[in-house]
């Protein structure tokens, strides 16, 4: 697994960010039984930067906590059988599946941890995990899909022993 991790936010945490990000991605891929080695990019940015990206890519001129940019299209969430049919889904040099990019607003990690009454570590992991599930084809637009995604998040965080 290759994770490109960069913190351009100017904010830092009291835990090893890069190691925890990698552990979160790995936990998600294991839980979802993703059958390939994978590449993921994770970038921490300022609130102004995530607002700019959100405006540019989604037409929403407001900051958000996390953005996900999947590189692979799935017929169904977590359905990996047809990934190999599209060669562009894999890095030609490493053979790793190109899952996509995760952009996290570091300031929102801190704010939401306070708001929800849990640690910054938990919020950091939650946002990365939430985004990785999006990169695996999951969404929360419909109530049933949201419930499924929420249960997966609870299960994976519990297995990582990260609690509220």
C-alpha atoms as a PDB file:
ATOM      1  CA  UNK A   1       0.000   0.000   0.000  1.00  0.00           C
ATOM      2  CA  UNK A   2       1.244   3.442  -0.888  1.00  0.00           C
ATOM      3  CA  UNK A   3      -0.108   6.424   1.007  1.00  0.00           C
ATOM      4  CA  UNK A   4       1.029   9.885   0.063  1.00  0.00           C
ATOM      5  CA  UNK A   5       0.470  12.041   3.138  1.00  0.00           C
ATOM      6  CA  UNK A   6       0.975  15.772   3.333  1.00  0.00           C
ATOM      7  CA  UNK A   7      -0.021  18.333   5.949  1.00  0.00           C
ATOM      8  CA  UNK A   8      -0.207  21.801   4.393  1.00  0.00           C
ATOM      9  CA  UNK A   9      -2.540  23.162   7.076  1.00  0.00           C
ATOM     10  CA  UNK A  10      -0.033  24.624   9.508  1.00  0.00           C
ATOM     11  CA  UNK A  11      -1.882  22.769  12.286  1.00  0.00           C
ATOM     12  CA  UNK A  12      -0.553  19.708  14.033  1.00  0.00           C
ATOM     13  CA  UNK A  13      -1.867  17.086  16.424  1.00  0.00           C
ATOM     14  CA  UNK A  14      -0.538  15.283  19.492  1.00  0.00           C
ATOM     15  CA  UNK A  15      -0.532  11.920  17.721  1.00  0.00           C
ATOM     16  CA  UNK A  16       1.532  10.570  14.817  1.00  0.00           C
ATOM     17  CA  UNK A  17      -0.695  11.788  11.978  1.00  0.00           C
ATOM     18  CA  UNK A  18       0.868   9.933   9.087  1.00  0.00           C
ATOM     19  CA  UNK A  19       1.033   6.609  10.939  1.00  0.00           C
ATOM     20  CA  UNK A  20      -2.555   6.943  12.129  1.00  0.00           C
ATOM     21  CA  UNK A  21      -3.758   7.865   8.633  1.00  0.00           C
ATOM     22  CA  UNK A  22      -2.048   4.755   7.228  1.00  0.00           C
ATOM     23  CA  UNK A  23      -3.509   2.561   9.977  1.00  0.00           C
ATOM     24  CA  UNK A  24      -6.985   3.926   9.237  1.00  0.00           C
ATOM     25  CA  UNK A  25      -6.693   3.283   5.498  1.00  0.00           C
ATOM     26  CA  UNK A  26      -5.355  -0.199   6.156  1.00  0.00           C
ATOM     27  CA  UNK A  27      -8.164  -0.988   8.635  1.00  0.00           C
ATOM     28  CA  UNK A  28     -10.780   0.119   6.109  1.00  0.00           C
ATOM     29  CA  UNK A  29      -9.283  -1.917   3.255  1.00  0.00           C
ATOM     30  CA  UNK A  30      -9.010  -5.008   5.460  1.00  0.00           C
ATOM     31  CA  UNK A  31     -12.561  -4.657   6.785  1.00  0.00           C
ATOM     32  CA  UNK A  32     -13.886  -4.204   3.274  1.00  0.00           C
ATOM     33  CA  UNK A  33     -11.760  -7.096   1.967  1.00  0.00           C
ATOM     34  CA  UNK A  34     -10.307  -4.943  -0.782  1.00  0.00           C
ATOM     35  CA  UNK A  35      -8.397  -7.542  -2.835  1.00  0.00           C
ATOM     36  CA  UNK A  36      -5.614  -5.332  -4.233  1.00  0.00           C
ATOM     37  CA  UNK A  37      -2.684  -3.327  -3.037  1.00  0.00           C
ATOM     38  CA  UNK A  38      -3.754   0.314  -3.205  1.00  0.00           C
ATOM     39  CA  UNK A  39      -2.595   3.904  -3.547  1.00  0.00           C
ATOM     40  CA  UNK A  40      -4.255   6.742  -1.663  1.00  0.00           C
ATOM     41  CA  UNK A  41      -3.348  10.400  -1.324  1.00  0.00           C
ATOM     42  CA  UNK A  42      -4.228  12.230   1.908  1.00  0.00           C
ATOM     43  CA  UNK A  43      -3.798  15.983   2.202  1.00  0.00           C
ATOM     44  CA  UNK A  44      -4.536  18.166   5.241  1.00  0.00           C
ATOM     45  CA  UNK A  45      -5.402  21.750   4.367  1.00  0.00           C
ATOM     46  CA  UNK A  46      -6.677  24.998   5.854  1.00  0.00           C
ATOM     47  CA  UNK A  47     -10.331  25.957   5.959  1.00  0.00           C
ATOM     48  CA  UNK A  48      -9.756  28.532   3.204  1.00  0.00           C
ATOM     49  CA  UNK A  49      -8.138  25.926   0.959  1.00  0.00           C
ATOM     50  CA  UNK A  50     -10.856  23.313   1.417  1.00  0.00           C
ATOM     51  CA  UNK A  51     -13.467  26.001   0.696  1.00  0.00           C
ATOM     52  CA  UNK A  52     -11.635  26.896  -2.531  1.00  0.00           C
ATOM     53  CA  UNK A  53     -11.468  23.227  -3.581  1.00  0.00           C
ATOM     54  CA  UNK A  54     -15.108  22.645  -2.607  1.00  0.00           C
ATOM     55  CA  UNK A  55     -16.175  25.673  -4.667  1.00  0.00           C
ATOM     56  CA  UNK A  56     -14.053  24.660  -7.641  1.00  0.00           C
ATOM     57  CA  UNK A  57     -15.023  20.972  -7.720  1.00  0.00           C
ATOM     58  CA  UNK A  58     -18.551  20.863  -6.302  1.00  0.00           C
ATOM     59  CA  UNK A  59     -19.821  24.408  -6.846  1.00  0.00           C
ATOM     60  CA  UNK A  60     -20.316  24.835  -3.078  1.00  0.00           C
ATOM     61  CA  UNK A  61     -18.602  28.001  -1.858  1.00  0.00           C
ATOM     62  CA  UNK A  62     -18.272  26.906   1.766  1.00  0.00           C
ATOM     63  CA  UNK A  63     -15.712  25.047   3.842  1.00  0.00           C
ATOM     64  CA  UNK A  64     -16.296  21.401   4.702  1.00  0.00           C
ATOM     65  CA  UNK A  65     -14.556  18.834   6.876  1.00  0.00           C
ATOM     66  CA  UNK A  66     -13.436  16.333   4.234  1.00  0.00           C
ATOM     67  CA  UNK A  67     -13.576  15.823   0.485  1.00  0.00           C
ATOM     68  CA  UNK A  68     -13.201  12.533  -1.373  1.00  0.00           C
ATOM     69  CA  UNK A  69     -12.119  12.159  -4.965  1.00  0.00           C
ATOM     70  CA  UNK A  70     -12.525   8.521  -6.066  1.00  0.00           C
ATOM     71  CA  UNK A  71     -10.552   7.295  -9.056  1.00  0.00           C
ATOM     72  CA  UNK A  72     -12.463   4.027  -9.509  1.00  0.00           C
ATOM     73  CA  UNK A  73     -16.126   3.648 -10.438  1.00  0.00           C
ATOM     74  CA  UNK A  74     -18.002   0.753  -8.868  1.00  0.00           C
ATOM     75  CA  UNK A  75     -21.244  -0.814 -10.062  1.00  0.00           C
ATOM     76  CA  UNK A  76     -22.137  -1.300  -6.370  1.00  0.00           C
ATOM     77  CA  UNK A  77     -20.348  -0.146  -3.212  1.00  0.00           C
ATOM     78  CA  UNK A  78     -17.665  -2.609  -2.248  1.00  0.00           C
ATOM     79  CA  UNK A  79     -18.077  -4.537  -5.517  1.00  0.00           C
ATOM     80  CA  UNK A  80     -14.511  -5.122  -6.703  1.00  0.00           C
ATOM     81  CA  UNK A  81     -15.011  -7.855  -9.295  1.00  0.00           C
ATOM     82  CA  UNK A  82     -14.877  -5.566 -12.338  1.00  0.00           C
ATOM     83  CA  UNK A  83     -12.004  -3.315 -11.295  1.00  0.00           C
ATOM     84  CA  UNK A  84      -9.516  -5.274 -13.402  1.00  0.00           C
ATOM     85  CA  UNK A  85     -11.578  -4.670 -16.547  1.00  0.00           C
ATOM     86  CA  UNK A  86     -10.302  -1.085 -16.617  1.00  0.00           C
ATOM     87  CA  UNK A  87      -6.481  -0.901 -16.808  1.00  0.00           C
ATOM     88  CA  UNK A  88      -6.538   2.789 -15.817  1.00  0.00           C
ATOM     89  CA  UNK A  89      -7.658   1.683 -12.338  1.00  0.00           C
ATOM     90  CA  UNK A  90      -4.075   0.545 -11.643  1.00  0.00           C
ATOM     91  CA  UNK A  91      -0.703   2.242 -11.472  1.00  0.00           C
ATOM     92  CA  UNK A  92       1.270   0.733 -14.381  1.00  0.00           C
ATOM     93  CA  UNK A  93       4.533   0.896 -12.405  1.00  0.00           C
ATOM     94  CA  UNK A  94       3.396  -0.648  -9.095  1.00  0.00           C
ATOM     95  CA  UNK A  95       0.227  -2.523 -10.039  1.00  0.00           C
ATOM     96  CA  UNK A  96      -1.582  -0.848  -7.137  1.00  0.00           C
ATOM     97  CA  UNK A  97      -5.236   0.142  -7.455  1.00  0.00           C
ATOM     98  CA  UNK A  98      -5.579   3.927  -7.676  1.00  0.00           C
ATOM     99  CA  UNK A  99      -8.265   4.582  -5.056  1.00  0.00           C
ATOM    100  CA  UNK A 100      -8.148   8.362  -5.119  1.00  0.00           C
ATOM    101  CA  UNK A 101      -7.602  11.428  -2.971  1.00  0.00           C
ATOM    102  CA  UNK A 102      -8.738  12.490   0.492  1.00  0.00           C
ATOM    103  CA  UNK A 103      -8.589  16.145   1.533  1.00  0.00           C
ATOM    104  CA  UNK A 104      -9.135  16.877   5.232  1.00  0.00           C
ATOM    105  CA  UNK A 105      -9.606  20.287   6.825  1.00  0.00           C
ATOM    106  CA  UNK A 106      -7.296  20.165   9.863  1.00  0.00           C
ATOM    107  CA  UNK A 107      -9.129  23.028  11.583  1.00  0.00           C
ATOM    108  CA  UNK A 108     -12.416  21.159  11.276  1.00  0.00           C
ATOM    109  CA  UNK A 109     -10.829  18.093  12.896  1.00  0.00           C
ATOM    110  CA  UNK A 110     -10.061  20.227  15.950  1.00  0.00           C
ATOM    111  CA  UNK A 111     -13.428  22.060  15.946  1.00  0.00           C
ATOM    112  CA  UNK A 112     -15.550  18.942  15.466  1.00  0.00           C
ATOM    113  CA  UNK A 113     -13.671  16.996  18.131  1.00  0.00           C
ATOM    114  CA  UNK A 114     -14.656  19.719  20.615  1.00  0.00           C
ATOM    115  CA  UNK A 115     -18.188  19.960  19.264  1.00  0.00           C
ATOM    116  CA  UNK A 116     -18.823  16.203  19.433  1.00  0.00           C
ATOM    117  CA  UNK A 117     -16.977  15.706  22.712  1.00  0.00           C
ATOM    118  CA  UNK A 118     -14.342  13.261  21.591  1.00  0.00           C
ATOM    119  CA  UNK A 119     -10.618  13.336  20.858  1.00  0.00           C
ATOM    120  CA  UNK A 120      -8.965  14.914  17.855  1.00  0.00           C
ATOM    121  CA  UNK A 121      -7.506  11.470  17.161  1.00  0.00           C
ATOM    122  CA  UNK A 122     -10.999   9.990  16.877  1.00  0.00           C
ATOM    123  CA  UNK A 123     -12.223  12.790  14.588  1.00  0.00           C
ATOM    124  CA  UNK A 124      -9.108  12.525  12.406  1.00  0.00           C
ATOM    125  CA  UNK A 125      -9.601   8.764  11.978  1.00  0.00           C
ATOM    126  CA  UNK A 126     -13.336   9.134  11.439  1.00  0.00           C
ATOM    127  CA  UNK A 127     -12.931  11.674   8.619  1.00  0.00           C
ATOM    128  CA  UNK A 128     -10.264   9.630   6.851  1.00  0.00           C
ATOM    129  CA  UNK A 129     -12.280   6.435   7.256  1.00  0.00           C
ATOM    130  CA  UNK A 130     -15.448   8.140   5.995  1.00  0.00           C
ATOM    131  CA  UNK A 131     -13.561   9.320   2.936  1.00  0.00           C
ATOM    132  CA  UNK A 132     -11.951   5.927   2.262  1.00  0.00           C
ATOM    133  CA  UNK A 133     -15.421   4.356   2.255  1.00  0.00           C
ATOM    134  CA  UNK A 134     -16.380   6.912  -0.397  1.00  0.00           C
ATOM    135  CA  UNK A 135     -13.300   5.863  -2.391  1.00  0.00           C
ATOM    136  CA  UNK A 136     -14.633   2.287  -2.193  1.00  0.00           C
ATOM    137  CA  UNK A 137     -17.969   3.325  -3.692  1.00  0.00           C
ATOM    138  CA  UNK A 138     -20.075   3.936  -0.589  1.00  0.00           C
ATOM    139  CA  UNK A 139     -22.292   6.975  -0.204  1.00  0.00           C
ATOM    140  CA  UNK A 140     -24.877   8.345   2.193  1.00  0.00           C
ATOM    141  CA  UNK A 141     -27.368  10.086  -0.070  1.00  0.00           C
ATOM    142  CA  UNK A 142     -30.170   7.637   0.762  1.00  0.00           C
ATOM    143  CA  UNK A 143     -31.173   6.772   4.342  1.00  0.00           C
ATOM    144  CA  UNK A 144     -30.425   3.073   3.862  1.00  0.00           C
ATOM    145  CA  UNK A 145     -26.989   3.814   2.380  1.00  0.00           C
ATOM    146  CA  UNK A 146     -26.205   6.231   5.212  1.00  0.00           C
ATOM    147  CA  UNK A 147     -27.114   3.606   7.820  1.00  0.00           C
ATOM    148  CA  UNK A 148     -24.864   1.055   6.091  1.00  0.00           C
ATOM    149  CA  UNK A 149     -21.956   3.492   5.937  1.00  0.00           C
ATOM    150  CA  UNK A 150     -22.411   4.537   9.575  1.00  0.00           C
ATOM    151  CA  UNK A 151     -22.372   0.914  10.733  1.00  0.00           C
ATOM    152  CA  UNK A 152     -19.188   0.226   8.765  1.00  0.00           C
ATOM    153  CA  UNK A 153     -17.548   3.297  10.312  1.00  0.00           C
ATOM    154  CA  UNK A 154     -18.542   2.230  13.858  1.00  0.00           C
ATOM    155  CA  UNK A 155     -17.303  -1.312  13.255  1.00  0.00           C
ATOM    156  CA  UNK A 156     -13.926  -0.283  11.828  1.00  0.00           C
ATOM    157  CA  UNK A 157     -13.257   2.361  14.500  1.00  0.00           C
ATOM    158  CA  UNK A 158     -14.203  -0.132  17.219  1.00  0.00           C
ATOM    159  CA  UNK A 159     -11.768  -2.681  15.721  1.00  0.00           C
ATOM    160  CA  UNK A 160      -9.090   0.033  15.789  1.00  0.00           C
ATOM    161  CA  UNK A 161     -10.033   0.646  19.449  1.00  0.00           C
ATOM    162  CA  UNK A 162     -10.880   4.259  18.724  1.00  0.00           C
ATOM    163  CA  UNK A 163     -13.906   5.326  20.729  1.00  0.00           C
ATOM    164  CA  UNK A 164     -15.888   8.489  21.354  1.00  0.00           C
END
